[in-house]
Protein backbone atom coordinates (compact mmCIF):
# COMPACT_ATOMS: atom_id res chain seq x y z
CA HIS A 1 7.10 -50.67 48.14
CA ASN A 2 9.51 -52.69 50.32
CA GLY A 3 12.48 -50.45 51.00
CA LEU A 4 14.10 -47.09 50.50
CA LEU A 5 16.59 -46.34 47.75
CA ALA A 6 19.80 -44.50 48.49
CA ASP A 7 22.95 -43.87 46.50
CA PHE A 8 25.43 -46.50 47.66
CA PHE A 9 28.30 -44.03 47.32
CA SER A 10 26.57 -41.23 49.24
CA PRO A 11 26.87 -41.46 53.03
CA LYS A 12 24.49 -38.50 53.23
CA ASP A 13 21.77 -40.30 51.23
CA ILE A 14 22.22 -43.49 53.24
CA SER A 15 22.05 -41.64 56.56
CA GLN A 16 18.92 -39.78 55.44
CA ALA A 17 17.21 -43.08 54.53
CA VAL A 18 18.19 -44.59 57.88
CA ALA A 19 16.95 -41.50 59.71
CA THR A 20 13.65 -41.68 57.81
CA ILE A 21 13.10 -45.27 58.93
CA LEU A 22 14.15 -44.56 62.52
CA ASN A 23 11.82 -41.56 62.75
CA ASP A 24 8.78 -43.16 61.11
CA SER A 25 7.83 -46.44 62.78
CA ASP A 26 4.68 -46.80 60.67
CA LEU A 27 6.73 -46.57 57.46
CA ALA A 28 9.33 -48.96 58.87
CA SER A 29 6.62 -51.47 59.76
CA LYS A 30 4.95 -51.19 56.34
CA LEU A 31 8.22 -51.55 54.44
CA GLY A 32 9.30 -54.45 56.64
CA SER A 33 6.02 -56.27 56.12
CA ASN A 34 6.14 -55.70 52.36
CA ALA A 35 9.75 -56.89 52.23
CA ARG A 36 8.84 -60.08 54.08
CA ASP A 37 5.94 -60.71 51.72
CA SER A 38 8.23 -60.18 48.71
CA ILE A 39 10.76 -62.69 50.02
CA LEU A 40 8.12 -65.31 50.82
CA THR A 41 6.40 -64.85 47.45
CA LYS A 42 9.47 -64.83 45.23
CA TYR A 43 12.29 -66.56 47.09
CA SER A 44 10.82 -69.15 49.46
CA LEU A 45 12.20 -72.66 49.33
CA GLU A 46 8.91 -73.86 47.85
CA LYS A 47 9.39 -71.44 44.92
CA THR A 48 13.11 -71.79 44.32
CA LEU A 49 13.85 -75.46 45.02
CA PRO A 50 11.91 -76.81 42.01
CA LEU A 51 13.75 -74.33 39.77
CA GLN A 52 17.12 -75.35 41.19
CA LEU A 53 16.33 -79.04 40.74
CA SER A 54 15.24 -78.43 37.14
CA LEU A 55 18.47 -76.60 36.43
CA MET A 56 20.53 -79.42 37.94
CA GLN A 57 18.61 -81.93 35.81
CA LEU A 58 19.33 -79.92 32.65
CA VAL A 59 23.03 -79.80 33.50
CA ALA A 60 23.16 -83.48 34.48
CA THR A 61 21.55 -84.58 31.21
CA GLY A 62 23.84 -82.39 29.12
CA VAL A 63 21.10 -80.06 27.87
CA LEU A 64 23.04 -77.21 29.44
CA PRO A 65 26.83 -77.26 29.54
């Protein structure tokens, strides 16, 4: 959906994934666009800041140690 999986300990698998992206610009563009959408949807400041502030409030009030 937003990237290629490769065995971290396999240089061959990693190089094949890199070669796939380098040889298929349409796939690279699609994966890149999907990755950007995932980051904006799940990890933007607007999404994460309220959660971080809530966590700090819980710690500050002693609800969480």
